[in-house]
Amino acid sequence: MILAMDWDNLSLLQQQSPKQYQHKLMLLMRFANEYEEATVPDPY
């Protein structure tokens, strides 16, 4: 699994990943149970 924190990083990973590994790319928040947000905000 390769988990991204937000849509921008997921998109960059999709551009870099060979097609046969695209199924491994997901957002981390897809596994959340309590929070409904799709992404983890950048706190920087």
PDB file of all heavy atoms in Angstrom:
ATOM      1  N   MET A   1       0.853  -1.187   0.000  1.00  0.00           N
ATOM      2  CA  MET A   1       0.000   0.000   0.000  1.00  0.00           C
ATOM      3  C   MET A   1       0.887   1.233   0.000  1.00  0.00           C
ATOM      4  O   MET A   1       1.912   1.266   0.677  1.00  0.00           O
ATOM      5  CB  MET A   1      -0.874   0.059   1.255  1.00  0.00           C
ATOM      6  CG  MET A   1      -1.870  -1.024   1.395  1.00  0.00           C
ATOM      7  SD  MET A   1      -2.704  -0.778   2.993  1.00  0.00           S
ATOM      8  CE  MET A   1      -4.198  -1.661   2.682  1.00  0.00           C
ATOM      9  N   ILE A   2       0.454   2.241  -0.730  1.00  0.00           N
ATOM     10  CA  ILE A   2       1.113   3.549  -0.713  1.00  0.00           C
ATOM     11  C   ILE A   2       0.005   4.556  -0.466  1.00  0.00           C
ATOM     12  O   ILE A   2      -0.885   4.738  -1.303  1.00  0.00           O
ATOM     13  CB  ILE A   2       1.872   3.822  -2.025  1.00  0.00           C
ATOM     14  CG1 ILE A   2       2.951   2.746  -2.201  1.00  0.00           C
ATOM     15  CG2 ILE A   2       2.467   5.225  -2.008  1.00  0.00           C
ATOM     16  CD1 ILE A   2       3.702   2.810  -3.505  1.00  0.00           C
ATOM     17  N   LEU A   3       0.061   5.165   0.709  1.00  0.00           N
ATOM     18  CA  LEU A   3      -1.038   6.007   1.176  1.00  0.00           C
ATOM     19  C   LEU A   3      -0.656   7.473   1.126  1.00  0.00           C
ATOM     20  O   LEU A   3       0.400   7.864   1.626  1.00  0.00           O
ATOM     21  CB  LEU A   3      -1.415   5.601   2.598  1.00  0.00           C
ATOM     22  CG  LEU A   3      -1.728   4.108   2.757  1.00  0.00           C
ATOM     23  CD1 LEU A   3      -1.947   3.766   4.216  1.00  0.00           C
ATOM     24  CD2 LEU A   3      -2.935   3.730   1.924  1.00  0.00           C
ATOM     25  N   ALA A   4      -1.531   8.271   0.557  1.00  0.00           N
ATOM     26  CA  ALA A   4      -1.308   9.706   0.420  1.00  0.00           C
ATOM     27  C   ALA A   4      -2.152  10.460   1.443  1.00  0.00           C
ATOM     28  O   ALA A   4      -3.202   9.979   1.874  1.00  0.00           O
ATOM     29  CB  ALA A   4      -1.660  10.163  -0.993  1.00  0.00           C
ATOM     30  N   MET A   5      -1.705  11.637   1.779  1.00  0.00           N
ATOM     31  CA  MET A   5      -2.414  12.461   2.755  1.00  0.00           C
ATOM     32  C   MET A   5      -3.476  13.352   2.118  1.00  0.00           C
ATOM     33  O   MET A   5      -4.422  13.745   2.789  1.00  0.00           O
ATOM     34  CB  MET A   5      -1.423  13.352   3.513  1.00  0.00           C
ATOM     35  CG  MET A   5      -0.436  12.571   4.327  1.00  0.00           C
ATOM     36  SD  MET A   5      -1.249  11.658   5.635  1.00  0.00           S
ATOM     37  CE  MET A   5       0.018  10.503   6.062  1.00  0.00           C
ATOM     38  N   ASP A   6      -3.297  13.678   0.837  1.00  0.00           N
ATOM     39  CA  ASP A   6      -4.264  14.565   0.186  1.00  0.00           C
ATOM     40  C   ASP A   6      -4.319  14.276  -1.313  1.00  0.00           C
ATOM     41  O   ASP A   6      -3.553  13.468  -1.836  1.00  0.00           O
ATOM     42  CB  ASP A   6      -3.948  16.036   0.465  1.00  0.00           C
ATOM     43  CG  ASP A   6      -2.575  16.469  -0.029  1.00  0.00           C
ATOM     44  OD1 ASP A   6      -2.103  15.961  -1.069  1.00  0.00           O
ATOM     45  OD2 ASP A   6      -1.958  17.322   0.618  1.00  0.00           O
ATOM     46  N   TRP A   7      -5.265  14.932  -1.972  1.00  0.00           N
ATOM     47  CA  TRP A   7      -5.497  14.690  -3.401  1.00  0.00           C
ATOM     48  C   TRP A   7      -4.298  15.059  -4.257  1.00  0.00           C
ATOM     49  O   TRP A   7      -3.993  14.363  -5.229  1.00  0.00           O
ATOM     50  CB  TRP A   7      -6.725  15.465  -3.884  1.00  0.00           C
ATOM     51  CG  TRP A   7      -7.996  15.026  -3.225  1.00  0.00           C
ATOM     52  CD1 TRP A   7      -8.737  15.732  -2.315  1.00  0.00           C
ATOM     53  CD2 TRP A   7      -8.680  13.775  -3.409  1.00  0.00           C
ATOM     54  NE1 TRP A   7      -9.833  14.987  -1.926  1.00  0.00           N
ATOM     55  CE2 TRP A   7      -9.828  13.789  -2.578  1.00  0.00           C
ATOM     56  CE3 TRP A   7      -8.422  12.647  -4.180  1.00  0.00           C
ATOM     57  CZ2 TRP A   7     -10.709  12.726  -2.520  1.00  0.00           C
ATOM     58  CZ3 TRP A   7      -9.309  11.582  -4.112  1.00  0.00           C
ATOM     59  CH2 TRP A   7     -10.434  11.632  -3.301  1.00  0.00           C
ATOM     60  N   ASP A   8      -3.605  16.158  -3.927  1.00  0.00           N
ATOM     61  CA  ASP A   8      -2.446  16.582  -4.725  1.00  0.00           C
ATOM     62  C   ASP A   8      -1.342  15.523  -4.694  1.00  0.00           C
ATOM     63  O   ASP A   8      -0.760  15.187  -5.727  1.00  0.00           O
ATOM     64  CB  ASP A   8      -1.887  17.913  -4.219  1.00  0.00           C
ATOM     65  CG  ASP A   8      -2.809  19.086  -4.512  1.00  0.00           C
ATOM     66  OD1 ASP A   8      -3.632  18.988  -5.448  1.00  0.00           O
ATOM     67  OD2 ASP A   8      -2.699  20.103  -3.793  1.00  0.00           O
ATOM     68  N   ASN A   9      -1.061  15.013  -3.507  1.00  0.00           N
ATOM     69  CA  ASN A   9      -0.023  13.988  -3.393  1.00  0.00           C
ATOM     70  C   ASN A   9      -0.461  12.681  -4.033  1.00  0.00           C
ATOM     71  O   ASN A   9       0.347  11.994  -4.659  1.00  0.00           O
ATOM     72  CB  ASN A   9       0.374  13.785  -1.926  1.00  0.00           C
ATOM     73  CG  ASN A   9       1.231  14.918  -1.438  1.00  0.00           C
ATOM     74  OD1 ASN A   9       2.327  15.123  -1.932  1.00  0.00           O
ATOM     75  ND2 ASN A   9       0.734  15.669  -0.476  1.00  0.00           N
ATOM     76  N   LEU A  10      -1.729  12.341  -3.916  1.00  0.00           N
ATOM     77  CA  LEU A  10      -2.233  11.142  -4.585  1.00  0.00           C
ATOM     78  C   LEU A  10      -2.066  11.283  -6.099  1.00  0.00           C
ATOM     79  O   LEU A  10      -1.621  10.350  -6.774  1.00  0.00           O
ATOM     80  CB  LEU A  10      -3.691  10.882  -4.218  1.00  0.00           C
ATOM     81  CG  LEU A  10      -4.316   9.634  -4.832  1.00  0.00           C
ATOM     82  CD1 LEU A  10      -3.581   8.366  -4.399  1.00  0.00           C
ATOM     83  CD2 LEU A  10      -5.793   9.550  -4.461  1.00  0.00           C
ATOM     84  N   SER A  11      -2.386  12.432  -6.622  1.00  0.00           N
ATOM     85  CA  SER A  11      -2.237  12.674  -8.058  1.00  0.00           C
ATOM     86  C   SER A  11      -0.777  12.551  -8.504  1.00  0.00           C
ATOM     87  O   SER A  11      -0.484  11.937  -9.534  1.00  0.00           O
ATOM     88  CB  SER A  11      -2.776  14.059  -8.412  1.00  0.00           C
ATOM     89  OG  SER A  11      -2.587  14.331  -9.778  1.00  0.00           O
ATOM     90  N   LEU A  12       0.136  13.107  -7.728  1.00  0.00           N
ATOM     91  CA  LEU A  12       1.560  12.996  -8.051  1.00  0.00           C
ATOM     92  C   LEU A  12       2.016  11.542  -8.027  1.00  0.00           C
ATOM     93  O   LEU A  12       2.776  11.103  -8.893  1.00  0.00           O
ATOM     94  CB  LEU A  12       2.393  13.825  -7.076  1.00  0.00           C
ATOM     95  CG  LEU A  12       2.296  15.328  -7.253  1.00  0.00           C
ATOM     96  CD1 LEU A  12       2.904  16.053  -6.058  1.00  0.00           C
ATOM     97  CD2 LEU A  12       2.974  15.769  -8.540  1.00  0.00           C
ATOM     98  N   LEU A  13       1.543  10.784  -7.048  1.00  0.00           N
ATOM     99  CA  LEU A  13       1.897   9.365  -6.974  1.00  0.00           C
ATOM    100  C   LEU A  13       1.328   8.601  -8.166  1.00  0.00           C
ATOM    101  O   LEU A  13       1.993   7.722  -8.726  1.00  0.00           O
ATOM    102  CB  LEU A  13       1.389   8.759  -5.665  1.00  0.00           C
ATOM    103  CG  LEU A  13       2.123   9.222  -4.408  1.00  0.00           C
ATOM    104  CD1 LEU A  13       1.338   8.840  -3.157  1.00  0.00           C
ATOM    105  CD2 LEU A  13       3.538   8.657  -4.366  1.00  0.00           C
ATOM    106  N   GLN A  14       0.115   8.934  -8.570  1.00  0.00           N
ATOM    107  CA  GLN A  14      -0.495   8.279  -9.731  1.00  0.00           C
ATOM    108  C   GLN A  14       0.299   8.559 -10.996  1.00  0.00           C
ATOM    109  O   GLN A  14       0.437   7.685 -11.854  1.00  0.00           O
ATOM    110  CB  GLN A  14      -1.946   8.741  -9.896  1.00  0.00           C
ATOM    111  CG  GLN A  14      -2.849   8.187  -8.822  1.00  0.00           C
ATOM    112  CD  GLN A  14      -4.217   8.852  -8.790  1.00  0.00           C
ATOM    113  OE1 GLN A  14      -4.390   9.991  -9.220  1.00  0.00           O
ATOM    114  NE2 GLN A  14      -5.205   8.142  -8.264  1.00  0.00           N
ATOM    115  N   GLN A  15       0.853   9.760 -11.109  1.00  0.00           N
ATOM    116  CA  GLN A  15       1.662  10.110 -12.273  1.00  0.00           C
ATOM    117  C   GLN A  15       2.991   9.356 -12.273  1.00  0.00           C
ATOM    118  O   GLN A  15       3.520   9.026 -13.334  1.00  0.00           O
ATOM    119  CB  GLN A  15       1.917  11.616 -12.297  1.00  0.00           C
ATOM    120  CG  GLN A  15       0.674  12.438 -12.560  1.00  0.00           C
ATOM    121  CD  GLN A  15       0.913  13.914 -12.314  1.00  0.00           C
ATOM    122  OE1 GLN A  15       2.000  14.429 -12.573  1.00  0.00           O
ATOM    123  NE2 GLN A  15      -0.094  14.597 -11.805  1.00  0.00           N
ATOM    124  N   GLN A  16       3.532   9.085 -11.103  1.00  0.00           N
ATOM    125  CA  GLN A  16       4.829   8.423 -10.991  1.00  0.00           C
ATOM    126  C   GLN A  16       4.737   6.904 -11.056  1.00  0.00           C
ATOM    127  O   GLN A  16       5.678   6.240 -11.481  1.00  0.00           O
ATOM    128  CB  GLN A  16       5.492   8.791  -9.656  1.00  0.00           C
ATOM    129  CG  GLN A  16       5.860  10.231  -9.512  1.00  0.00           C
ATOM    130  CD  GLN A  16       6.354  10.545  -8.104  1.00  0.00           C
ATOM    131  OE1 GLN A  16       6.922   9.694  -7.428  1.00  0.00           O
ATOM    132  NE2 GLN A  16       6.129  11.763  -7.658  1.00  0.00           N
ATOM    133  N   SER A  17       3.619   6.357 -10.626  1.00  0.00           N
ATOM    134  CA  SER A  17       3.488   4.909 -10.487  1.00  0.00           C
ATOM    135  C   SER A  17       3.278   4.208 -11.825  1.00  0.00           C
ATOM    136  O   SER A  17       2.451   4.635 -12.632  1.00  0.00           O
ATOM    137  CB  SER A  17       2.298   4.592  -9.579  1.00  0.00           C
ATOM    138  OG  SER A  17       2.047   3.211  -9.536  1.00  0.00           O
ATOM    139  N   PRO A  18       3.986   3.103 -12.047  1.00  0.00           N
ATOM    140  CA  PRO A  18       3.670   2.264 -13.204  1.00  0.00           C
ATOM    141  C   PRO A  18       2.224   1.766 -13.095  1.00  0.00           C
ATOM    142  O   PRO A  18       1.717   1.554 -11.991  1.00  0.00           O
ATOM    143  CB  PRO A  18       4.662   1.104 -13.084  1.00  0.00           C
ATOM    144  CG  PRO A  18       5.791   1.640 -12.257  1.00  0.00           C
ATOM    145  CD  PRO A  18       5.141   2.585 -11.294  1.00  0.00           C
ATOM    146  N   LYS A  19       1.576   1.574 -14.219  1.00  0.00           N
ATOM    147  CA  LYS A  19       0.159   1.173 -14.237  1.00  0.00           C
ATOM    148  C   LYS A  19      -0.125  -0.069 -13.404  1.00  0.00           C
ATOM    149  O   LYS A  19      -1.152  -0.151 -12.735  1.00  0.00           O
ATOM    150  CB  LYS A  19      -0.313   0.961 -15.670  1.00  0.00           C
ATOM    151  CG  LYS A  19      -0.561   2.244 -16.430  1.00  0.00           C
ATOM    152  CD  LYS A  19      -1.408   1.975 -17.647  1.00  0.00           C
ATOM    153  CE  LYS A  19      -1.515   3.181 -18.534  1.00  0.00           C
ATOM    154  NZ  LYS A  19      -2.255   4.290 -18.020  1.00  0.00           N
ATOM    155  N   GLN A  20       0.768  -1.049 -13.418  1.00  0.00           N
ATOM    156  CA  GLN A  20       0.491  -2.297 -12.707  1.00  0.00           C
ATOM    157  C   GLN A  20       0.471  -2.127 -11.187  1.00  0.00           C
ATOM    158  O   GLN A  20       0.041  -3.033 -10.479  1.00  0.00           O
ATOM    159  CB  GLN A  20       1.469  -3.408 -13.106  1.00  0.00           C
ATOM    160  CG  GLN A  20       2.883  -3.255 -12.589  1.00  0.00           C
ATOM    161  CD  GLN A  20       3.827  -2.670 -13.602  1.00  0.00           C
ATOM    162  OE1 GLN A  20       3.460  -1.838 -14.425  1.00  0.00           O
ATOM    163  NE2 GLN A  20       5.074  -3.100 -13.558  1.00  0.00           N
ATOM    164  N   TYR A  21       0.893  -0.974 -10.680  1.00  0.00           N
ATOM    165  CA  TYR A  21       0.892  -0.738  -9.233  1.00  0.00           C
ATOM    166  C   TYR A  21      -0.100   0.332  -8.790  1.00  0.00           C
ATOM    167  O   TYR A  21      -0.179   0.657  -7.608  1.00  0.00           O
ATOM    168  CB  TYR A  21       2.297  -0.371  -8.750  1.00  0.00           C
ATOM    169  CG  TYR A  21       3.330  -1.417  -9.088  1.00  0.00           C
ATOM    170  CD1 TYR A  21       4.460  -1.100  -9.819  1.00  0.00           C
ATOM    171  CD2 TYR A  21       3.162  -2.742  -8.684  1.00  0.00           C
ATOM    172  CE1 TYR A  21       5.404  -2.056 -10.136  1.00  0.00           C
ATOM    173  CE2 TYR A  21       4.099  -3.711  -9.000  1.00  0.00           C
ATOM    174  CZ  TYR A  21       5.219  -3.354  -9.731  1.00  0.00           C
ATOM    175  OH  TYR A  21       6.145  -4.323 -10.041  1.00  0.00           O
ATOM    176  N   GLN A  22      -0.872   0.859  -9.714  1.00  0.00           N
ATOM    177  CA  GLN A  22      -1.818   1.929  -9.387  1.00  0.00           C
ATOM    178  C   GLN A  22      -2.828   1.524  -8.319  1.00  0.00           C
ATOM    179  O   GLN A  22      -3.272   2.346  -7.538  1.00  0.00           O
ATOM    180  CB  GLN A  22      -2.572   2.369 -10.653  1.00  0.00           C
ATOM    181  CG  GLN A  22      -1.711   3.009 -11.709  1.00  0.00           C
ATOM    182  CD  GLN A  22      -1.585   4.502 -11.545  1.00  0.00           C
ATOM    183  OE1 GLN A  22      -2.528   5.165 -11.149  1.00  0.00           O
ATOM    184  NE2 GLN A  22      -0.424   5.031 -11.869  1.00  0.00           N
ATOM    185  N   HIS A  23      -3.176   0.244  -8.271  1.00  0.00           N
ATOM    186  CA  HIS A  23      -4.155  -0.234  -7.290  1.00  0.00           C
ATOM    187  C   HIS A  23      -3.665  -0.098  -5.844  1.00  0.00           C
ATOM    188  O   HIS A  23      -4.461  -0.151  -4.911  1.00  0.00           O
ATOM    189  CB  HIS A  23      -4.522  -1.698  -7.568  1.00  0.00           C
ATOM    190  CG  HIS A  23      -3.388  -2.648  -7.347  1.00  0.00           C
ATOM    191  ND1 HIS A  23      -2.374  -2.812  -8.268  1.00  0.00           N
ATOM    192  CD2 HIS A  23      -3.091  -3.450  -6.297  1.00  0.00           C
ATOM    193  CE1 HIS A  23      -1.500  -3.698  -7.791  1.00  0.00           C
ATOM    194  NE2 HIS A  23      -1.909  -4.098  -6.599  1.00  0.00           N
ATOM    195  N   LYS A  24      -2.385   0.113  -5.648  1.00  0.00           N
ATOM    196  CA  LYS A  24      -1.816   0.249  -4.308  1.00  0.00           C
ATOM    197  C   LYS A  24      -1.958   1.663  -3.749  1.00  0.00           C
ATOM    198  O   LYS A  24      -1.727   1.875  -2.565  1.00  0.00           O
ATOM    199  CB  LYS A  24      -0.327  -0.102  -4.336  1.00  0.00           C
ATOM    200  CG  LYS A  24      -0.026  -1.534  -4.734  1.00  0.00           C
ATOM    201  CD  LYS A  24       1.462  -1.758  -4.735  1.00  0.00           C
ATOM    202  CE  LYS A  24       1.816  -3.189  -5.082  1.00  0.00           C
ATOM    203  NZ  LYS A  24       3.261  -3.440  -4.902  1.00  0.00           N
ATOM    204  N   LEU A  25      -2.319   2.606  -4.578  1.00  0.00           N
ATOM    205  CA  LEU A  25      -2.377   4.014  -4.193  1.00  0.00           C
ATOM    206  C   LEU A  25      -3.746   4.368  -3.628  1.00  0.00           C
ATOM    207  O   LEU A  25      -4.765   4.122  -4.261  1.00  0.00           O
ATOM    208  CB  LEU A  25      -2.071   4.900  -5.398  1.00  0.00           C
ATOM    209  CG  LEU A  25      -0.785   4.590  -6.169  1.00  0.00           C
ATOM    210  CD1 LEU A  25      -0.684   5.485  -7.386  1.00  0.00           C
ATOM    211  CD2 LEU A  25       0.429   4.740  -5.279  1.00  0.00           C
ATOM    212  N   MET A  26      -3.755   4.960  -2.428  1.00  0.00           N
ATOM    213  CA  MET A  26      -5.005   5.331  -1.762  1.00  0.00           C
ATOM    214  C   MET A  26      -4.758   6.523  -0.848  1.00  0.00           C
ATOM    215  O   MET A  26      -3.624   6.810  -0.489  1.00  0.00           O
ATOM    216  CB  MET A  26      -5.503   4.186  -0.882  1.00  0.00           C
ATOM    217  CG  MET A  26      -5.845   2.912  -1.575  1.00  0.00           C
ATOM    218  SD  MET A  26      -6.106   1.612  -0.358  1.00  0.00           S
ATOM    219  CE  MET A  26      -4.731   0.546  -0.800  1.00  0.00           C
ATOM    220  N   LEU A  27      -5.844   7.143  -0.437  1.00  0.00           N
ATOM    221  CA  LEU A  27      -5.766   8.159   0.602  1.00  0.00           C
ATOM    222  C   LEU A  27      -5.801   7.473   1.967  1.00  0.00           C
ATOM    223  O   LEU A  27      -6.594   6.549   2.183  1.00  0.00           O
ATOM    224  CB  LEU A  27      -6.952   9.124   0.504  1.00  0.00           C
ATOM    225  CG  LEU A  27      -6.967  10.064  -0.695  1.00  0.00           C
ATOM    226  CD1 LEU A  27      -8.319  10.769  -0.800  1.00  0.00           C
ATOM    227  CD2 LEU A  27      -5.833  11.090  -0.585  1.00  0.00           C
ATOM    228  N   LEU A  28      -4.976   7.921   2.889  1.00  0.00           N
ATOM    229  CA  LEU A  28      -4.962   7.359   4.241  1.00  0.00           C
ATOM    230  C   LEU A  28      -6.337   7.453   4.894  1.00  0.00           C
ATOM    231  O   LEU A  28      -6.787   6.515   5.559  1.00  0.00           O
ATOM    232  CB  LEU A  28      -3.922   8.078   5.106  1.00  0.00           C
ATOM    233  CG  LEU A  28      -3.896   7.677   6.590  1.00  0.00           C
ATOM    234  CD1 LEU A  28      -3.482   6.216   6.748  1.00  0.00           C
ATOM    235  CD2 LEU A  28      -2.976   8.589   7.380  1.00  0.00           C
ATOM    236  N   MET A  29      -7.019   8.571   4.703  1.00  0.00           N
ATOM    237  CA  MET A  29      -8.298   8.794   5.387  1.00  0.00           C
ATOM    238  C   MET A  29      -9.390   7.841   4.923  1.00  0.00           C
ATOM    239  O   MET A  29     -10.450   7.775   5.545  1.00  0.00           O
ATOM    240  CB  MET A  29      -8.738  10.245   5.247  1.00  0.00           C
ATOM    241  CG  MET A  29      -7.925  11.213   6.087  1.00  0.00           C
ATOM    242  SD  MET A  29      -7.919  10.843   7.864  1.00  0.00           S
ATOM    243  CE  MET A  29      -9.608  11.282   8.300  1.00  0.00           C
ATOM    244  N   ARG A  30      -9.156   7.077   3.906  1.00  0.00           N
ATOM    245  CA  ARG A  30     -10.124   6.069   3.474  1.00  0.00           C
ATOM    246  C   ARG A  30     -10.349   5.036   4.579  1.00  0.00           C
ATOM    247  O   ARG A  30     -11.371   4.371   4.623  1.00  0.00           O
ATOM    248  CB  ARG A  30      -9.614   5.441   2.179  1.00  0.00           C
ATOM    249  CG  ARG A  30      -9.714   3.981   2.081  1.00  0.00           C
ATOM    250  CD  ARG A  30      -9.085   3.431   0.845  1.00  0.00           C
ATOM    251  NE  ARG A  30      -9.994   2.430   0.333  1.00  0.00           N
ATOM    252  CZ  ARG A  30      -9.847   1.772  -0.764  1.00  0.00           C
ATOM    253  NH1 ARG A  30      -8.822   2.015  -1.540  1.00  0.00           N
ATOM    254  NH2 ARG A  30     -10.704   0.885  -1.141  1.00  0.00           N
ATOM    255  N   PHE A  31      -9.391   4.914   5.496  1.00  0.00           N
ATOM    256  CA  PHE A  31      -9.473   3.941   6.581  1.00  0.00           C
ATOM    257  C   PHE A  31     -10.043   4.525   7.877  1.00  0.00           C
ATOM    258  O   PHE A  31     -10.172   3.810   8.865  1.00  0.00           O
ATOM    259  CB  PHE A  31      -8.085   3.336   6.835  1.00  0.00           C
ATOM    260  CG  PHE A  31      -7.549   2.623   5.641  1.00  0.00           C
ATOM    261  CD1 PHE A  31      -6.668   3.249   4.775  1.00  0.00           C
ATOM    262  CD2 PHE A  31      -7.954   1.327   5.348  1.00  0.00           C
ATOM    263  CE1 PHE A  31      -6.182   2.601   3.647  1.00  0.00           C
ATOM    264  CE2 PHE A  31      -7.479   0.670   4.224  1.00  0.00           C
ATOM    265  CZ  PHE A  31      -6.597   1.305   3.371  1.00  0.00           C
ATOM    266  N   ALA A  32     -10.354   5.810   7.876  1.00  0.00           N
ATOM    267  CA  ALA A  32     -10.872   6.472   9.077  1.00  0.00           C
ATOM    268  C   ALA A  32     -12.284   5.989   9.397  1.00  0.00           C
ATOM    269  O   ALA A  32     -13.063   5.676   8.495  1.00  0.00           O
ATOM    270  CB  ALA A  32     -10.866   7.982   8.890  1.00  0.00           C
ATOM    271  N   ASN A  33     -12.576   5.928  10.677  1.00  0.00           N
ATOM    272  CA  ASN A  33     -13.909   5.538  11.130  1.00  0.00           C
ATOM    273  C   ASN A  33     -14.645   6.679  11.808  1.00  0.00           C
ATOM    274  O   ASN A  33     -15.853   6.780  11.722  1.00  0.00           O
ATOM    275  CB  ASN A  33     -13.805   4.352  12.099  1.00  0.00           C
ATOM    276  CG  ASN A  33     -13.317   3.109  11.400  1.00  0.00           C
ATOM    277  OD1 ASN A  33     -13.867   2.708  10.384  1.00  0.00           O
ATOM    278  ND2 ASN A  33     -12.263   2.505  11.924  1.00  0.00           N
ATOM    279  N   GLU A  34     -13.916   7.542  12.494  1.00  0.00           N
ATOM    280  CA  GLU A  34     -14.527   8.625  13.260  1.00  0.00           C
ATOM    281  C   GLU A  34     -14.689   9.899  12.435  1.00  0.00           C
ATOM    282  O   GLU A  34     -15.702  10.571  12.519  1.00  0.00           O
ATOM    283  CB  GLU A  34     -13.679   8.908  14.497  1.00  0.00           C
ATOM    284  CG  GLU A  34     -14.279   9.926  15.427  1.00  0.00           C
ATOM    285  CD  GLU A  34     -13.426  10.121  16.667  1.00  0.00           C
ATOM    286  OE1 GLU A  34     -12.761   9.163  17.101  1.00  0.00           O
ATOM    287  OE2 GLU A  34     -13.433  11.239  17.196  1.00  0.00           O
ATOM    288  N   TYR A  35     -13.681  10.231  11.655  1.00  0.00           N
ATOM    289  CA  TYR A  35     -13.689  11.463  10.868  1.00  0.00           C
ATOM    290  C   TYR A  35     -14.116  11.171   9.436  1.00  0.00           C
ATOM    291  O   TYR A  35     -13.713  10.171   8.859  1.00  0.00           O
ATOM    292  CB  TYR A  35     -12.307  12.128  10.883  1.00  0.00           C
ATOM    293  CG  TYR A  35     -11.917  12.626  12.252  1.00  0.00           C
ATOM    294  CD1 TYR A  35     -11.098  11.864  13.079  1.00  0.00           C
ATOM    295  CD2 TYR A  35     -12.378  13.843  12.723  1.00  0.00           C
ATOM    296  CE1 TYR A  35     -10.745  12.307  14.347  1.00  0.00           C
ATOM    297  CE2 TYR A  35     -12.034  14.296  13.991  1.00  0.00           C
ATOM    298  CZ  TYR A  35     -11.218  13.522  14.794  1.00  0.00           C
ATOM    299  OH  TYR A  35     -10.875  13.958  16.040  1.00  0.00           O
ATOM    300  N   GLU A  36     -14.888  12.072   8.878  1.00  0.00           N
ATOM    301  CA  GLU A  36     -15.390  11.880   7.511  1.00  0.00           C
ATOM    302  C   GLU A  36     -14.568  12.611   6.459  1.00  0.00           C
ATOM    303  O   GLU A  36     -14.829  12.477   5.272  1.00  0.00           O
ATOM    304  CB  GLU A  36     -16.847  12.328   7.432  1.00  0.00           C
ATOM    305  CG  GLU A  36     -17.769  11.462   8.268  1.00  0.00           C
ATOM    306  CD  GLU A  36     -19.230  11.855   8.147  1.00  0.00           C
ATOM    307  OE1 GLU A  36     -19.583  12.643   7.243  1.00  0.00           O
ATOM    308  OE2 GLU A  36     -20.018  11.376   8.964  1.00  0.00           O
ATOM    309  N   GLU A  37     -13.582  13.380   6.882  1.00  0.00           N
ATOM    310  CA  GLU A  37     -12.757  14.116   5.927  1.00  0.00           C
ATOM    311  C   GLU A  37     -12.044  13.141   5.004  1.00  0.00           C
ATOM    312  O   GLU A  37     -11.643  12.064   5.416  1.00  0.00           O
ATOM    313  CB  GLU A  37     -11.729  14.984   6.657  1.00  0.00           C
ATOM    314  CG  GLU A  37     -12.300  16.235   7.278  1.00  0.00           C
ATOM    315  CD  GLU A  37     -13.066  15.993   8.590  1.00  0.00           C
ATOM    316  OE1 GLU A  37     -13.177  14.830   9.023  1.00  0.00           O
ATOM    317  OE2 GLU A  37     -13.538  16.968   9.162  1.00  0.00           O
ATOM    318  N   ALA A  38     -11.884  13.550   3.766  1.00  0.00           N
ATOM    319  CA  ALA A  38     -11.222  12.695   2.784  1.00  0.00           C
ATOM    320  C   ALA A  38      -9.709  12.793   2.867  1.00  0.00           C
ATOM    321  O   ALA A  38      -9.004  11.871   2.475  1.00  0.00           O
ATOM    322  CB  ALA A  38     -11.684  13.066   1.376  1.00  0.00           C
ATOM    323  N   THR A  39      -9.210  13.914   3.386  1.00  0.00           N
ATOM    324  CA  THR A  39      -7.770  14.143   3.393  1.00  0.00           C
ATOM    325  C   THR A  39      -7.291  14.631   4.758  1.00  0.00           C
ATOM    326  O   THR A  39      -8.071  15.114   5.571  1.00  0.00           O
ATOM    327  CB  THR A  39      -7.368  15.185   2.332  1.00  0.00           C
ATOM    328  OG1 THR A  39      -7.972  16.440   2.659  1.00  0.00           O
ATOM    329  CG2 THR A  39      -7.783  14.736   0.936  1.00  0.00           C
ATOM    330  N   VAL A  40      -5.978  14.522   4.966  1.00  0.00           N
ATOM    331  CA  VAL A  40      -5.334  15.051   6.164  1.00  0.00           C
ATOM    332  C   VAL A  40      -4.778  16.427   5.786  1.00  0.00           C
ATOM    333  O   VAL A  40      -3.954  16.530   4.882  1.00  0.00           O
ATOM    334  CB  VAL A  40      -4.188  14.124   6.641  1.00  0.00           C
ATOM    335  CG1 VAL A  40      -3.493  14.712   7.867  1.00  0.00           C
ATOM    336  CG2 VAL A  40      -4.705  12.723   6.914  1.00  0.00           C
ATOM    337  N   PRO A  41      -5.230  17.488   6.457  1.00  0.00           N
ATOM    338  CA  PRO A  41      -4.771  18.833   6.085  1.00  0.00           C
ATOM    339  C   PRO A  41      -3.291  19.050   6.410  1.00  0.00           C
ATOM    340  O   PRO A  41      -2.764  18.479   7.367  1.00  0.00           O
ATOM    341  CB  PRO A  41      -5.653  19.752   6.930  1.00  0.00           C
ATOM    342  CG  PRO A  41      -6.047  18.925   8.111  1.00  0.00           C
ATOM    343  CD  PRO A  41      -6.127  17.504   7.609  1.00  0.00           C
ATOM    344  N   ASP A  42      -2.637  19.862   5.616  1.00  0.00           N
ATOM    345  CA  ASP A  42      -1.222  20.172   5.832  1.00  0.00           C
ATOM    346  C   ASP A  42      -1.124  21.219   6.942  1.00  0.00           C
ATOM    347  O   ASP A  42      -1.621  22.329   6.789  1.00  0.00           O
ATOM    348  CB  ASP A  42      -0.614  20.716   4.540  1.00  0.00           C
ATOM    349  CG  ASP A  42       0.885  20.895   4.624  1.00  0.00           C
ATOM    350  OD1 ASP A  42       1.457  20.776   5.727  1.00  0.00           O
ATOM    351  OD2 ASP A  42       1.503  21.166   3.575  1.00  0.00           O
ATOM    352  N   PRO A  43      -0.454  20.899   8.058  1.00  0.00           N
ATOM    353  CA  PRO A  43      -0.378  21.839   9.172  1.00  0.00           C
ATOM    354  C   PRO A  43       0.809  22.807   9.102  1.00  0.00           C
ATOM    355  O   PRO A  43       0.961  23.667   9.964  1.00  0.00           O
ATOM    356  CB  PRO A  43      -0.204  20.907  10.376  1.00  0.00           C
ATOM    357  CG  PRO A  43       0.648  19.812   9.819  1.00  0.00           C
ATOM    358  CD  PRO A  43       0.127  19.609   8.406  1.00  0.00           C
ATOM    359  N   TYR A  44       1.629  22.684   8.070  1.00  0.00           N
ATOM    360  CA  TYR A  44       2.920  23.371   8.020  1.00  0.00           C
ATOM    361  C   TYR A  44       2.827  24.881   8.239  1.00  0.00           C
ATOM    362  O   TYR A  44       3.640  25.461   8.949  1.00  0.00           O
ATOM    363  CB  TYR A  44       3.616  23.073   6.684  1.00  0.00           C
ATOM    364  CG  TYR A  44       5.029  23.583   6.619  1.00  0.00           C
ATOM    365  CD1 TYR A  44       6.055  22.919   7.273  1.00  0.00           C
ATOM    366  CD2 TYR A  44       5.345  24.733   5.901  1.00  0.00           C
ATOM    367  CE1 TYR A  44       7.367  23.381   7.223  1.00  0.00           C
ATOM    368  CE2 TYR A  44       6.643  25.199   5.850  1.00  0.00           C
ATOM    369  CZ  TYR A  44       7.644  24.525   6.505  1.00  0.00           C
ATOM    370  OH  TYR A  44       8.938  24.992   6.458  1.00  0.00           O
TER     371      TYR A  44
END
